[in-house]
Amino acid sequence: MKYDKNNIFAKILRGEASAEKVYENEFVFCFKDIYPKSKIHILIIPKKEYLDIYDFSKNATTPEKESIFLAFENLIKFYKIEKSGCRIITNQGVDGRQEVPHLHFHLLGGNDTGKMTSI
């Protein structure tokens, strides 16, 4: 899989597609998923073009990496799920079932998100 500059997240970042923003910082944009799988379902994406978690791990700067975790912290605090918890997921590559070729994390919470899938 290679980065597609016309993927939906790239379009959102360029303002060519709409999204309901819930948090943003210098390096990260967070918005509500339009097909939520939980009461709270937020997508967290870097503003730069990173294909997946592996690409981000290798090529992102320290401030970009810190910004992702700052976004997690702020979203958890904003939705008041510090005690009840949440699930944060990212998929990578074909076997990981990544659907959009732009690194993104799903933050799911507000209810029991169920057991992890078994292999």
Protein backbone atom coordinates (compact mmCIF):
# COMPACT_ATOMS: atom_id res chain seq x y z
CA MET A 1 0.00 0.00 0.00
CA LYS A 2 1.30 3.47 -0.78
CA TYR A 3 0.13 6.87 0.34
CA ASP A 4 -2.79 8.19 -1.72
CA LYS A 5 -2.97 11.99 -1.60
CA ASN A 6 -6.68 11.76 -2.43
CA ASN A 7 -7.68 9.60 0.54
CA ILE A 8 -10.56 10.92 2.65
CA PHE A 9 -8.34 12.00 5.55
CA ALA A 10 -6.05 14.00 3.24
CA LYS A 11 -9.17 15.66 1.81
CA ILE A 12 -10.41 16.50 5.33
CA LEU A 13 -7.03 18.03 6.20
CA ARG A 14 -7.11 20.14 3.01
CA GLY A 15 -10.68 21.28 3.73
CA GLU A 16 -12.09 19.44 0.70
CA ALA A 17 -14.26 17.17 2.86
CA SER A 18 -16.03 18.00 6.10
CA ALA A 19 -15.50 16.50 9.53
CA GLU A 20 -16.82 17.32 12.99
CA LYS A 21 -13.64 18.44 14.75
CA VAL A 22 -13.35 17.69 18.47
CA TYR A 23 -9.66 18.47 19.07
CA GLU A 24 -6.69 19.84 17.19
CA ASN A 25 -3.11 20.75 17.92
CA GLU A 26 -0.13 21.71 15.74
CA PHE A 27 0.42 18.19 14.42
CA VAL A 28 -2.86 16.32 15.00
CA PHE A 29 -6.49 16.61 13.92
CA CYS A 30 -9.28 14.69 15.72
CA PHE A 31 -12.88 14.31 14.60
CA LYS A 32 -15.98 12.18 15.07
CA ASP A 33 -16.26 9.02 12.99
CA ILE A 34 -19.27 9.23 10.65
CA TYR A 35 -19.96 5.51 11.20
CA PRO A 36 -19.44 5.21 14.97
CA LYS A 37 -18.88 1.76 16.45
CA SER A 38 -19.23 3.03 20.02
CA LYS A 39 -20.95 5.86 21.90
CA ILE A 40 -17.68 7.78 21.56
CA HIS A 41 -15.78 7.11 18.33
CA ILE A 42 -13.09 9.63 17.49
CA LEU A 43 -10.50 9.46 14.71
CA ILE A 44 -7.05 10.85 15.51
CA ILE A 45 -4.84 11.62 12.51
CA PRO A 46 -1.48 13.29 12.02
CA LYS A 47 -1.58 16.37 9.79
CA LYS A 48 1.41 15.18 7.74
CA GLU A 49 1.24 12.39 5.19
CA TYR A 50 2.06 9.20 7.07
CA LEU A 51 0.87 5.97 5.54
CA ASP A 52 0.60 3.92 8.73
CA ILE A 53 2.00 3.39 12.23
CA TYR A 54 5.22 1.89 10.84
CA ASP A 55 5.85 4.88 8.57
CA PHE A 56 5.04 7.26 11.46
CA SER A 57 7.28 5.35 13.89
CA LYS A 58 10.22 5.58 11.49
CA ASN A 59 9.76 9.09 10.11
CA ALA A 60 7.81 11.33 12.48
CA THR A 61 9.58 13.88 14.63
CA THR A 62 9.53 13.66 18.41
CA PRO A 63 7.07 16.59 18.67
CA GLU A 64 4.71 14.84 16.23
CA LYS A 65 4.84 11.63 18.26
CA GLU A 66 4.27 13.52 21.51
CA SER A 67 1.30 15.34 19.94
CA ILE A 68 -0.50 12.05 19.26
CA PHE A 69 -0.26 11.11 22.93
CA LEU A 70 -1.28 14.61 23.99
CA ALA A 71 -4.37 14.21 21.80
CA PHE A 72 -5.19 10.88 23.50
CA GLU A 73 -4.82 12.53 26.91
CA ASN A 74 -7.00 15.52 26.00
CA LEU A 75 -9.73 13.39 24.40
CA ILE A 76 -9.90 11.03 27.38
CA LYS A 77 -10.15 14.02 29.70
CA PHE A 78 -12.70 15.83 27.48
CA TYR A 79 -15.01 12.79 27.32
CA LYS A 80 -14.49 12.08 31.04
CA ILE A 81 -13.49 8.47 30.44
CA GLU A 82 -10.39 8.44 32.65
CA LYS A 83 -11.95 5.83 34.95
CA SER A 84 -14.33 3.94 32.65
CA GLY A 85 -11.65 3.56 29.97
CA CYS A 86 -11.48 3.32 26.23
CA ARG A 87 -9.90 1.38 23.39
CA ILE A 88 -7.41 2.98 21.01
CA ILE A 89 -6.80 1.06 17.79
CA THR A 90 -4.75 1.51 14.65
CA ASN A 91 -4.55 -0.87 11.72
CA GLN A 92 -1.51 -1.32 9.50
CA GLY A 93 -1.31 -2.86 6.05
CA VAL A 94 -3.38 -5.48 4.29
CA ASP A 95 -3.26 -8.10 7.04
CA GLY A 96 -4.09 -5.42 9.62
CA ARG A 97 -7.12 -4.44 7.50
CA GLN A 98 -6.11 -0.81 7.10
CA GLU A 99 -8.78 0.78 4.92
CA VAL A 100 -7.55 4.37 4.52
CA PRO A 101 -3.88 4.87 3.56
CA HIS A 102 -3.28 7.62 6.14
CA LEU A 103 -2.26 6.79 9.71
CA HIS A 104 -5.29 7.02 11.96
CA PHE A 105 -6.26 5.89 15.42
CA HIS A 106 -9.78 5.04 16.55
CA LEU A 107 -10.62 6.04 20.11
CA LEU A 108 -13.69 4.08 21.25
CA GLY A 109 -15.39 4.63 24.58
CA GLY A 110 -18.50 5.61 26.48
CA ASN A 111 -19.66 2.01 26.73
CA ASP A 112 -18.26 -1.52 26.93
CA THR A 113 -16.36 -1.98 23.65
CA GLY A 114 -16.48 -5.77 23.93
CA LYS A 115 -13.73 -8.34 23.90
CA MET A 116 -10.84 -8.10 21.51
CA THR A 117 -11.17 -10.34 18.49
CA SER A 118 -9.68 -13.76 18.87
CA ILE A 119 -7.44 -15.29 16.26
